[in-house]
Amino acid sequence: MFEVRVHGRGGQGVVTAAELLSVAAFREGKYAQAFPTFGSERTGAPVTAFCRIADSTIRAREPIVEPDAVVVQDPTLLRQVDVFGGVGPDAYVLVNTTRSLDDLGLAQLAVRLRPDRLVAVPATELARTHLGRPLPNAALLGAFAALTGVVSLESVAEAIRRRFSGATGDGNVAAATAAFDGVRPDRAYAHA
């Protein structure tokens, strides 16, 4: 089973990101579940969502405490929430930022993880460019597909198009594709 934890703030599409990831996994014939946990349910409040992907039925229902991947949609959470709790040395970590990971104070994390699995992605900027709105979730899913290979970009794009139609769907797919292309080893944004 592959377990993903997504951290962000209310209004950034954290819950939607986990749901889209589960739909992408379903599209590939896998089992998946997605669910959120909330503190105070308001825009801007910290939100965590979870997604499990497996080749067989998933019976676990509790929050993910030792994730295989962590997606941080809002880097301001790095000082407020233990977003890296339970992250092991082989985990994948995606952080939405234009800053270097060293500038974010993640040098210690970089020492613990494999350098090819800790990636900064300018997802908000990609969303602004392709969608016209600062919603990083679709771009981060494209980056997730490139980094982990757990789901394909095609499945992520299909999940996005099923959820969003017209220009919104097209813009989100374009942001996901740009992030996917940016994370590929030959065009990395910022590996630690």
N, C-alpha and C. Protein backbone atom coordinates (compact mmCIF):
# COMPACT_ATOMS: atom_id res chain seq x y z
N MET A 1 0.85 -1.18 0.00
CA MET A 1 0.00 0.00 0.00
C MET A 1 0.89 1.24 0.00
N PHE A 2 0.48 2.25 -0.76
CA PHE A 2 1.19 3.51 -0.83
C PHE A 2 0.32 4.57 -0.17
N GLU A 3 0.86 5.25 0.84
CA GLU A 3 0.07 6.19 1.63
C GLU A 3 0.59 7.62 1.45
N VAL A 4 -0.34 8.53 1.18
CA VAL A 4 -0.01 9.93 0.89
C VAL A 4 -0.73 10.84 1.88
N ARG A 5 0.01 11.81 2.39
CA ARG A 5 -0.59 12.82 3.26
C ARG A 5 -0.40 14.18 2.58
N VAL A 6 -1.48 14.94 2.48
CA VAL A 6 -1.46 16.26 1.84
C VAL A 6 -1.76 17.31 2.89
N HIS A 7 -0.86 18.30 3.02
CA HIS A 7 -1.04 19.39 3.98
C HIS A 7 -1.25 20.70 3.22
N GLY A 8 -2.18 21.49 3.68
CA GLY A 8 -2.41 22.80 3.09
C GLY A 8 -3.34 23.60 3.97
N ARG A 9 -3.96 24.57 3.36
CA ARG A 9 -4.91 25.43 4.08
C ARG A 9 -6.26 25.35 3.40
N GLY A 10 -7.30 25.58 4.19
CA GLY A 10 -8.64 25.58 3.66
C GLY A 10 -8.75 26.54 2.48
N GLY A 11 -9.32 26.07 1.39
CA GLY A 11 -9.47 26.89 0.20
C GLY A 11 -8.42 26.64 -0.86
N GLN A 12 -7.39 25.83 -0.54
CA GLN A 12 -6.33 25.53 -1.50
C GLN A 12 -6.58 24.23 -2.28
N GLY A 13 -7.66 23.55 -2.00
CA GLY A 13 -7.94 22.31 -2.72
C GLY A 13 -7.23 21.09 -2.18
N VAL A 14 -6.96 21.08 -0.89
CA VAL A 14 -6.28 19.95 -0.25
C VAL A 14 -7.12 18.68 -0.35
N VAL A 15 -8.39 18.78 0.01
CA VAL A 15 -9.29 17.62 -0.03
C VAL A 15 -9.48 17.18 -1.48
N THR A 16 -9.63 18.14 -2.37
CA THR A 16 -9.79 17.82 -3.79
C THR A 16 -8.56 17.10 -4.32
N ALA A 17 -7.37 17.51 -3.91
CA ALA A 17 -6.14 16.85 -4.36
C ALA A 17 -6.15 15.37 -4.00
N ALA A 18 -6.50 15.05 -2.75
CA ALA A 18 -6.54 13.65 -2.33
C ALA A 18 -7.61 12.88 -3.12
N GLU A 19 -8.75 13.51 -3.33
CA GLU A 19 -9.81 12.85 -4.10
C GLU A 19 -9.39 12.61 -5.54
N LEU A 20 -8.77 13.60 -6.17
CA LEU A 20 -8.32 13.44 -7.56
C LEU A 20 -7.26 12.35 -7.66
N LEU A 21 -6.37 12.28 -6.69
CA LEU A 21 -5.36 11.23 -6.68
C LEU A 21 -6.00 9.85 -6.59
N SER A 22 -7.02 9.73 -5.75
CA SER A 22 -7.71 8.44 -5.64
C SER A 22 -8.42 8.08 -6.94
N VAL A 23 -9.02 9.05 -7.61
CA VAL A 23 -9.68 8.79 -8.90
C VAL A 23 -8.66 8.37 -9.95
N ALA A 24 -7.49 9.01 -9.96
CA ALA A 24 -6.42 8.63 -10.89
C ALA A 24 -6.01 7.18 -10.64
N ALA A 25 -5.90 6.79 -9.38
CA ALA A 25 -5.54 5.41 -9.05
C ALA A 25 -6.63 4.44 -9.49
N PHE A 26 -7.90 4.77 -9.25
CA PHE A 26 -9.02 3.93 -9.70
C PHE A 26 -8.95 3.72 -11.20
N ARG A 27 -8.63 4.79 -11.91
CA ARG A 27 -8.56 4.73 -13.38
C ARG A 27 -7.52 3.69 -13.82
N GLU A 28 -6.51 3.47 -13.03
CA GLU A 28 -5.46 2.51 -13.35
C GLU A 28 -5.73 1.12 -12.76
N GLY A 29 -6.95 0.92 -12.27
CA GLY A 29 -7.34 -0.40 -11.77
C GLY A 29 -6.88 -0.68 -10.36
N LYS A 30 -6.50 0.34 -9.63
CA LYS A 30 -6.05 0.17 -8.25
C LYS A 30 -7.19 0.48 -7.28
N TYR A 31 -7.02 0.04 -6.07
CA TYR A 31 -7.93 0.41 -4.99
C TYR A 31 -7.42 1.71 -4.39
N ALA A 32 -8.33 2.55 -3.96
CA ALA A 32 -7.90 3.81 -3.36
C ALA A 32 -8.97 4.33 -2.41
N GLN A 33 -8.52 5.12 -1.46
CA GLN A 33 -9.44 5.83 -0.57
C GLN A 33 -8.85 7.20 -0.29
N ALA A 34 -9.71 8.17 -0.13
CA ALA A 34 -9.29 9.53 0.19
C ALA A 34 -10.23 10.08 1.24
N PHE A 35 -9.65 10.78 2.22
CA PHE A 35 -10.47 11.38 3.27
C PHE A 35 -9.69 12.51 3.94
N PRO A 36 -10.40 13.50 4.45
CA PRO A 36 -9.74 14.64 5.10
C PRO A 36 -9.84 14.59 6.62
N THR A 37 -9.08 15.45 7.24
CA THR A 37 -9.26 15.77 8.65
C THR A 37 -9.16 17.28 8.77
N PHE A 38 -10.01 17.85 9.56
CA PHE A 38 -10.06 19.31 9.68
C PHE A 38 -9.84 19.72 11.12
N GLY A 39 -9.28 20.92 11.28
CA GLY A 39 -9.28 21.58 12.58
C GLY A 39 -10.53 22.44 12.57
N SER A 40 -10.34 23.73 12.54
CA SER A 40 -11.50 24.61 12.37
C SER A 40 -11.78 24.69 10.88
N GLU A 41 -13.01 24.47 10.51
CA GLU A 41 -13.37 24.39 9.09
C GLU A 41 -13.62 25.78 8.53
N ARG A 42 -12.54 26.44 8.15
CA ARG A 42 -12.65 27.78 7.56
C ARG A 42 -11.51 28.00 6.59
N THR A 43 -11.70 28.93 5.69
CA THR A 43 -10.67 29.26 4.73
C THR A 43 -9.41 29.72 5.45
N GLY A 44 -8.28 29.17 5.06
CA GLY A 44 -7.01 29.54 5.66
C GLY A 44 -6.56 28.67 6.82
N ALA A 45 -7.46 27.89 7.38
CA ALA A 45 -7.09 27.01 8.50
C ALA A 45 -6.32 25.80 7.97
N PRO A 46 -5.39 25.25 8.75
CA PRO A 46 -4.67 24.05 8.31
C PRO A 46 -5.63 22.89 8.05
N VAL A 47 -5.39 22.20 6.94
CA VAL A 47 -6.19 21.05 6.54
C VAL A 47 -5.23 19.94 6.15
N THR A 48 -5.58 18.72 6.50
CA THR A 48 -4.82 17.55 6.08
C THR A 48 -5.77 16.59 5.41
N ALA A 49 -5.33 16.04 4.28
CA ALA A 49 -6.11 15.01 3.59
C ALA A 49 -5.19 13.83 3.35
N PHE A 50 -5.81 12.67 3.22
CA PHE A 50 -5.06 11.42 3.09
C PHE A 50 -5.53 10.66 1.87
N CYS A 51 -4.62 9.91 1.28
CA CYS A 51 -4.97 9.03 0.17
C CYS A 51 -4.15 7.76 0.29
N ARG A 52 -4.84 6.64 0.21
CA ARG A 52 -4.17 5.34 0.18
C ARG A 52 -4.42 4.72 -1.19
N ILE A 53 -3.38 4.09 -1.73
CA ILE A 53 -3.47 3.43 -3.03
C ILE A 53 -2.89 2.04 -2.86
N ALA A 54 -3.63 1.03 -3.34
CA ALA A 54 -3.17 -0.36 -3.18
C ALA A 54 -3.64 -1.22 -4.34
N ASP A 55 -3.06 -2.40 -4.42
CA ASP A 55 -3.46 -3.38 -5.44
C ASP A 55 -4.57 -4.29 -4.94
N SER A 56 -4.92 -4.18 -3.66
CA SER A 56 -5.99 -5.00 -3.09
C SER A 56 -6.84 -4.12 -2.17
N THR A 57 -7.91 -4.69 -1.68
CA THR A 57 -8.84 -3.96 -0.83
C THR A 57 -8.12 -3.29 0.34
N ILE A 58 -8.52 -2.06 0.61
CA ILE A 58 -7.93 -1.29 1.70
C ILE A 58 -8.88 -1.35 2.90
N ARG A 59 -8.39 -1.87 3.99
CA ARG A 59 -9.23 -1.99 5.19
C ARG A 59 -8.93 -0.90 6.22
N ALA A 60 -7.75 -0.32 6.17
CA ALA A 60 -7.37 0.72 7.12
C ALA A 60 -8.25 1.95 6.93
N ARG A 61 -8.60 2.61 8.02
CA ARG A 61 -9.45 3.80 7.96
C ARG A 61 -8.89 4.96 8.78
N GLU A 62 -7.80 4.73 9.48
CA GLU A 62 -7.25 5.76 10.35
C GLU A 62 -6.36 6.72 9.56
N PRO A 63 -6.11 7.90 10.13
CA PRO A 63 -5.19 8.84 9.48
C PRO A 63 -3.82 8.21 9.26
N ILE A 64 -3.13 8.70 8.27
CA ILE A 64 -1.81 8.17 7.90
C ILE A 64 -0.74 8.85 8.76
N VAL A 65 -0.02 8.04 9.53
CA VAL A 65 1.00 8.60 10.42
C VAL A 65 2.43 8.35 9.91
N GLU A 66 2.62 7.38 9.02
CA GLU A 66 3.92 7.10 8.43
C GLU A 66 3.76 7.08 6.90
N PRO A 67 3.65 8.26 6.30
CA PRO A 67 3.35 8.34 4.87
C PRO A 67 4.53 7.93 3.99
N ASP A 68 4.18 7.41 2.82
CA ASP A 68 5.18 7.14 1.79
C ASP A 68 5.47 8.41 1.00
N ALA A 69 4.53 9.35 1.05
CA ALA A 69 4.71 10.63 0.38
C ALA A 69 3.97 11.71 1.15
N VAL A 70 4.58 12.90 1.18
CA VAL A 70 3.95 14.07 1.79
C VAL A 70 3.95 15.18 0.75
N VAL A 71 2.80 15.81 0.61
CA VAL A 71 2.66 16.95 -0.30
C VAL A 71 2.31 18.16 0.56
N VAL A 72 3.13 19.20 0.49
CA VAL A 72 2.90 20.41 1.27
C VAL A 72 2.46 21.51 0.30
N GLN A 73 1.18 21.83 0.34
CA GLN A 73 0.62 22.82 -0.57
C GLN A 73 0.91 24.25 -0.14
N ASP A 74 1.18 24.45 1.15
CA ASP A 74 1.42 25.80 1.66
C ASP A 74 2.65 25.77 2.56
N PRO A 75 3.78 26.36 2.10
CA PRO A 75 5.01 26.30 2.89
C PRO A 75 4.94 27.06 4.21
N THR A 76 3.94 27.92 4.41
CA THR A 76 3.83 28.59 5.70
C THR A 76 3.50 27.60 6.81
N LEU A 77 3.02 26.42 6.44
CA LEU A 77 2.72 25.39 7.44
C LEU A 77 3.97 24.75 8.02
N LEU A 78 5.11 24.92 7.37
CA LEU A 78 6.34 24.28 7.81
C LEU A 78 6.70 24.65 9.25
N ARG A 79 6.29 25.82 9.69
CA ARG A 79 6.59 26.27 11.05
C ARG A 79 5.40 26.12 12.00
N GLN A 80 4.26 25.71 11.48
CA GLN A 80 3.05 25.63 12.31
C GLN A 80 2.57 24.21 12.58
N VAL A 81 2.84 23.30 11.65
CA VAL A 81 2.32 21.95 11.73
C VAL A 81 3.48 20.98 11.49
N ASP A 82 3.46 19.84 12.15
CA ASP A 82 4.50 18.84 11.94
C ASP A 82 4.20 18.07 10.66
N VAL A 83 4.41 18.74 9.52
CA VAL A 83 4.07 18.13 8.23
C VAL A 83 4.97 16.94 7.90
N PHE A 84 6.15 16.85 8.52
CA PHE A 84 7.07 15.77 8.22
C PHE A 84 7.07 14.67 9.28
N GLY A 85 6.11 14.73 10.19
CA GLY A 85 6.00 13.69 11.21
C GLY A 85 5.81 12.32 10.57
N GLY A 86 6.58 11.35 11.01
CA GLY A 86 6.46 9.98 10.52
C GLY A 86 7.09 9.73 9.16
N VAL A 87 7.74 10.73 8.59
CA VAL A 87 8.35 10.58 7.27
C VAL A 87 9.66 9.80 7.41
N GLY A 88 9.73 8.68 6.71
CA GLY A 88 10.93 7.85 6.74
C GLY A 88 11.92 8.23 5.66
N PRO A 89 13.10 7.62 5.66
CA PRO A 89 14.17 8.00 4.74
C PRO A 89 13.87 7.73 3.26
N ASP A 90 12.90 6.88 2.97
CA ASP A 90 12.57 6.58 1.57
C ASP A 90 11.31 7.29 1.10
N ALA A 91 10.77 8.17 1.92
CA ALA A 91 9.54 8.88 1.56
C ALA A 91 9.81 9.92 0.48
N TYR A 92 8.76 10.25 -0.24
CA TYR A 92 8.78 11.33 -1.21
C TYR A 92 8.20 12.57 -0.56
N VAL A 93 8.80 13.73 -0.81
CA VAL A 93 8.30 14.99 -0.25
C VAL A 93 8.25 16.04 -1.37
N LEU A 94 7.08 16.60 -1.57
CA LEU A 94 6.86 17.70 -2.51
C LEU A 94 6.47 18.93 -1.72
N VAL A 95 7.16 20.04 -1.96
CA VAL A 95 6.83 21.29 -1.28
C VAL A 95 6.53 22.34 -2.34
N ASN A 96 5.40 22.99 -2.21
CA ASN A 96 5.01 24.07 -3.12
C ASN A 96 5.75 25.34 -2.71
N THR A 97 6.76 25.71 -3.49
CA THR A 97 7.53 26.91 -3.18
C THR A 97 8.38 27.32 -4.37
N THR A 98 8.70 28.59 -4.42
CA THR A 98 9.69 29.08 -5.40
C THR A 98 11.04 29.24 -4.73
N ARG A 99 11.08 29.12 -3.42
CA ARG A 99 12.33 29.26 -2.67
C ARG A 99 13.09 27.94 -2.67
N SER A 100 14.36 28.01 -2.40
CA SER A 100 15.14 26.78 -2.29
C SER A 100 14.76 26.08 -0.99
N LEU A 101 14.96 24.79 -0.98
CA LEU A 101 14.64 24.04 0.23
C LEU A 101 15.54 24.45 1.38
N ASP A 102 16.77 24.84 1.09
CA ASP A 102 17.66 25.35 2.14
C ASP A 102 17.11 26.65 2.74
N ASP A 103 16.59 27.54 1.87
CA ASP A 103 16.00 28.79 2.35
C ASP A 103 14.81 28.54 3.26
N LEU A 104 14.12 27.42 3.06
CA LEU A 104 12.97 27.08 3.89
C LEU A 104 13.39 26.41 5.20
N GLY A 105 14.68 26.19 5.38
CA GLY A 105 15.16 25.55 6.61
C GLY A 105 15.00 24.04 6.60
N LEU A 106 15.04 23.45 5.42
CA LEU A 106 14.82 22.02 5.32
C LEU A 106 16.12 21.22 5.14
N ALA A 107 17.23 21.81 5.51
CA ALA A 107 18.52 21.13 5.36
C ALA A 107 18.55 19.81 6.14
N GLN A 108 18.02 19.81 7.36
CA GLN A 108 18.00 18.59 8.18
C GLN A 108 17.17 17.50 7.52
N LEU A 109 16.04 17.90 6.94
CA LEU A 109 15.19 16.92 6.26
C LEU A 109 15.92 16.36 5.05
N ALA A 110 16.62 17.21 4.33
CA ALA A 110 17.36 16.79 3.14
C ALA A 110 18.43 15.75 3.51
N VAL A 111 19.00 15.86 4.69
CA VAL A 111 20.01 14.89 5.13
C VAL A 111 19.37 13.54 5.41
N ARG A 112 18.14 13.55 5.92
CA ARG A 112 17.44 12.31 6.26
C ARG A 112 16.87 11.57 5.06
N LEU A 113 16.51 12.30 4.01
CA LEU A 113 15.84 11.70 2.86
C LEU A 113 16.79 11.49 1.69
N ARG A 114 16.35 10.66 0.77
CA ARG A 114 17.08 10.53 -0.48
C ARG A 114 16.91 11.83 -1.26
N PRO A 115 18.00 12.43 -1.75
CA PRO A 115 17.91 13.74 -2.42
C PRO A 115 16.99 13.75 -3.63
N ASP A 116 16.85 12.63 -4.31
CA ASP A 116 16.00 12.58 -5.49
C ASP A 116 14.51 12.49 -5.14
N ARG A 117 14.19 12.45 -3.85
CA ARG A 117 12.80 12.34 -3.42
C ARG A 117 12.29 13.57 -2.68
N LEU A 118 13.09 14.60 -2.59
CA LEU A 118 12.71 15.85 -1.93
C LEU A 118 12.73 16.94 -2.98
N VAL A 119 11.56 17.45 -3.34
CA VAL A 119 11.45 18.35 -4.49
C VAL A 119 10.61 19.58 -4.15
N ALA A 120 11.11 20.73 -4.59
CA ALA A 120 10.35 21.98 -4.52
C ALA A 120 9.72 22.22 -5.88
N VAL A 121 8.44 22.57 -5.88
CA VAL A 121 7.69 22.81 -7.12
C VAL A 121 6.98 24.15 -7.00
N PRO A 122 7.13 25.04 -7.96
CA PRO A 122 6.43 26.33 -7.91
C PRO A 122 4.97 26.18 -8.35
N ALA A 123 4.23 25.37 -7.63
CA ALA A 123 2.87 24.99 -8.04
C ALA A 123 1.90 26.17 -8.08
N THR A 124 2.00 27.07 -7.12
CA THR A 124 1.11 28.24 -7.12
C THR A 124 1.35 29.09 -8.36
N GLU A 125 2.61 29.28 -8.72
CA GLU A 125 2.93 30.08 -9.90
C GLU A 125 2.47 29.38 -11.17
N LEU A 126 2.63 28.07 -11.23
CA LEU A 126 2.15 27.32 -12.39
C LEU A 126 0.63 27.44 -12.51
N ALA A 127 -0.06 27.38 -11.39
CA ALA A 127 -1.52 27.52 -11.40
C ALA A 127 -1.92 28.92 -11.87
N ARG A 128 -1.23 29.93 -11.38
CA ARG A 128 -1.54 31.30 -11.83
C ARG A 128 -1.34 31.43 -13.34
N THR A 129 -0.26 30.86 -13.84
CA THR A 129 0.05 30.95 -15.27
C THR A 129 -0.99 30.22 -16.12
N HIS A 130 -1.34 29.01 -15.73
CA HIS A 130 -2.19 28.16 -16.57
C HIS A 130 -3.67 28.22 -16.24
N LEU A 131 -3.99 28.59 -15.01
CA LEU A 131 -5.38 28.60 -14.56
C LEU A 131 -5.88 30.01 -14.27
N GLY A 132 -4.94 30.90 -13.98
CA GLY A 132 -5.33 32.26 -13.62
C GLY A 132 -5.72 32.41 -12.17
N ARG A 133 -5.50 31.37 -11.37
CA ARG A 133 -5.83 31.38 -9.95
C ARG A 133 -4.73 30.66 -9.17
N PRO A 134 -4.48 31.06 -7.93
CA PRO A 134 -3.39 30.45 -7.15
C PRO A 134 -3.80 29.16 -6.43
N LEU A 135 -4.25 28.17 -7.18
CA LEU A 135 -4.67 26.90 -6.59
C LEU A 135 -3.66 25.81 -6.99
N PRO A 136 -2.77 25.42 -6.07
CA PRO A 136 -1.63 24.57 -6.41
C PRO A 136 -1.91 23.08 -6.54
N ASN A 137 -3.10 22.62 -6.19
CA ASN A 137 -3.31 21.18 -6.06
C ASN A 137 -3.09 20.39 -7.35
N ALA A 138 -3.61 20.84 -8.48
CA ALA A 138 -3.45 20.07 -9.73
C ALA A 138 -1.99 20.02 -10.16
N ALA A 139 -1.29 21.14 -10.05
CA ALA A 139 0.14 21.15 -10.40
C ALA A 139 0.90 20.17 -9.52
N LEU A 140 0.59 20.14 -8.24
CA LEU A 140 1.29 19.22 -7.35
C LEU A 140 0.99 17.77 -7.67
N LEU A 141 -0.21 17.49 -8.18
CA LEU A 141 -0.52 16.11 -8.58
C LEU A 141 0.29 15.71 -9.81
N GLY A 142 0.51 16.65 -10.73
CA GLY A 142 1.38 16.36 -11.86
C GLY A 142 2.80 16.08 -11.40
N ALA A 143 3.28 16.88 -10.46
CA ALA A 143 4.62 16.67 -9.90
C ALA A 143 4.69 15.33 -9.17
N PHE A 144 3.64 14.99 -8.45
CA PHE A 144 3.56 13.72 -7.73
C PHE A 144 3.69 12.55 -8.71
N ALA A 145 2.97 12.63 -9.82
CA ALA A 145 3.03 11.57 -10.83
C ALA A 145 4.45 11.41 -11.36
N ALA A 146 5.13 12.52 -11.64
CA ALA A 146 6.50 12.46 -12.16
C ALA A 146 7.47 11.92 -11.12
N LEU A 147 7.33 12.36 -9.89
CA LEU A 147 8.27 12.01 -8.84
C LEU A 147 8.14 10.55 -8.41
N THR A 148 6.91 10.09 -8.23
CA THR A 148 6.69 8.76 -7.64
C THR A 148 6.43 7.66 -8.65
N GLY A 149 5.77 8.00 -9.76
CA GLY A 149 5.36 6.97 -10.71
C GLY A 149 4.21 6.11 -10.21
N VAL A 150 3.60 6.48 -9.10
CA VAL A 150 2.51 5.71 -8.51
C VAL A 150 1.27 5.78 -9.41
N VAL A 151 1.03 6.92 -10.01
CA VAL A 151 -0.03 7.09 -11.01
C VAL A 151 0.59 7.82 -12.20
N SER A 152 -0.05 7.70 -13.34
CA SER A 152 0.48 8.36 -14.54
C SER A 152 -0.09 9.77 -14.68
N LEU A 153 0.60 10.58 -15.44
CA LEU A 153 0.09 11.92 -15.75
C LEU A 153 -1.24 11.81 -16.49
N GLU A 154 -1.37 10.83 -17.36
CA GLU A 154 -2.62 10.66 -18.10
C GLU A 154 -3.79 10.41 -17.15
N SER A 155 -3.57 9.61 -16.13
CA SER A 155 -4.64 9.34 -15.16
C SER A 155 -4.96 10.56 -14.32
N VAL A 156 -3.93 11.33 -13.96
CA VAL A 156 -4.15 12.57 -13.22
C VAL A 156 -4.97 13.53 -14.10
N ALA A 157 -4.59 13.66 -15.36
CA ALA A 157 -5.31 14.56 -16.27
C ALA A 157 -6.75 14.13 -16.44
N GLU A 158 -6.99 12.83 -16.57
CA GLU A 158 -8.36 12.33 -16.71
C GLU A 158 -9.18 12.62 -15.45
N ALA A 159 -8.59 12.43 -14.28
CA ALA A 159 -9.29 12.72 -13.03
C ALA A 159 -9.64 14.20 -12.95
N ILE A 160 -8.71 15.06 -13.36
CA ILE A 160 -8.96 16.50 -13.35
C ILE A 160 -10.11 16.84 -14.30
N ARG A 161 -10.07 16.29 -15.51
CA ARG A 161 -11.11 16.58 -16.51
C ARG A 161 -12.48 16.06 -16.09
N ARG A 162 -12.51 14.98 -15.34
CA ARG A 162 -13.80 14.47 -14.84
C ARG A 162 -14.39 15.40 -13.77
N ARG A 163 -13.51 16.05 -13.03
CA ARG A 163 -13.96 16.93 -11.95
C ARG A 163 -14.25 18.35 -12.44
N PHE A 164 -13.43 18.85 -13.37
CA PHE A 164 -13.54 20.23 -13.85
C PHE A 164 -13.69 20.25 -15.36
N SER A 165 -14.64 21.00 -15.83
CA SER A 165 -14.86 21.07 -17.26
C SER A 165 -14.31 22.37 -17.84
N GLY A 166 -14.28 22.45 -19.17
CA GLY A 166 -13.94 23.67 -19.87
C GLY A 166 -12.58 24.22 -19.54
N ALA A 167 -12.51 25.55 -19.45
CA ALA A 167 -11.25 26.25 -19.23
C ALA A 167 -10.62 25.87 -17.88
N THR A 168 -11.43 25.62 -16.88
CA THR A 168 -10.89 25.23 -15.57
C THR A 168 -10.18 23.89 -15.65
N GLY A 169 -10.80 22.94 -16.32
CA GLY A 169 -10.16 21.63 -16.50
C GLY A 169 -8.90 21.75 -17.34
N ASP A 170 -8.99 22.49 -18.44
CA ASP A 170 -7.82 22.66 -19.31
C ASP A 170 -6.67 23.33 -18.58
N GLY A 171 -6.96 24.37 -17.81
CA GLY A 171 -5.93 25.08 -17.07
C GLY A 171 -5.26 24.22 -16.02
N ASN A 172 -6.07 23.43 -15.31
CA ASN A 172 -5.52 22.53 -14.30
C ASN A 172 -4.67 21.44 -14.93
N VAL A 173 -5.11 20.90 -16.06
CA VAL A 173 -4.31 19.89 -16.74
C VAL A 173 -3.00 20.49 -17.24
N ALA A 174 -3.06 21.71 -17.76
CA ALA A 174 -1.83 22.38 -18.22
C ALA A 174 -0.86 22.60 -17.06
N ALA A 175 -1.37 23.00 -15.89
CA ALA A 175 -0.51 23.20 -14.72
C ALA A 175 0.09 21.87 -14.27
N ALA A 176 -0.72 20.81 -14.26
CA ALA A 176 -0.21 19.49 -13.88
C ALA A 176 0.87 19.02 -14.84
N THR A 177 0.65 19.24 -16.12
CA THR A 177 1.62 18.83 -17.14
C THR A 177 2.92 19.61 -16.99
N ALA A 178 2.83 20.91 -16.76
CA ALA A 178 4.03 21.74 -16.58
C ALA A 178 4.82 21.28 -15.36
N ALA A 179 4.12 20.96 -14.28
CA ALA A 179 4.81 20.48 -13.07
C ALA A 179 5.44 19.11 -13.32
N PHE A 180 4.73 18.24 -14.01
CA PHE A 180 5.25 16.92 -14.37
C PHE A 180 6.56 17.08 -15.15
N ASP A 181 6.53 17.92 -16.16
CA ASP A 181 7.72 18.15 -16.98
C ASP A 181 8.86 18.76 -16.17
N GLY A 182 8.54 19.61 -15.22
CA GLY A 182 9.56 20.26 -14.40
C GLY A 182 10.22 19.34 -13.40
N VAL A 183 9.53 18.29 -12.99
CA VAL A 183 10.08 17.38 -11.99
C VAL A 183 10.88 16.25 -12.62
N ARG A 184 10.70 16.00 -13.88
CA ARG A 184 11.48 14.95 -14.53
C ARG A 184 12.96 15.24 -14.29
N PRO A 185 13.75 14.21 -14.06
CA PRO A 185 15.16 14.39 -13.70
C PRO A 185 15.95 15.30 -14.64
N ASP A 186 15.61 15.29 -15.93
CA ASP A 186 16.36 16.12 -16.88
C ASP A 186 15.93 17.57 -16.85
N ARG A 187 14.85 17.88 -16.11
CA ARG A 187 14.38 19.27 -16.00
C ARG A 187 13.93 19.57 -14.59
N ALA A 188 14.70 19.20 -13.59
CA ALA A 188 14.30 19.38 -12.20
C ALA A 188 14.22 20.85 -11.81
N TYR A 189 13.22 21.17 -10.98
CA TYR A 189 13.09 22.54 -10.46
C TYR A 189 14.15 22.79 -9.40
N ALA A 190 14.09 22.01 -8.33
CA ALA A 190 15.03 22.25 -7.23
C ALA A 190 15.14 21.01 -6.38
N HIS A 191 16.02 20.16 -6.73
CA HIS A 191 16.28 18.98 -5.88
C HIS A 191 17.25 19.39 -4.79
N ALA A 192 17.00 18.87 -3.59
CA ALA A 192 17.89 19.19 -2.47
C ALA A 192 19.24 18.53 -2.65
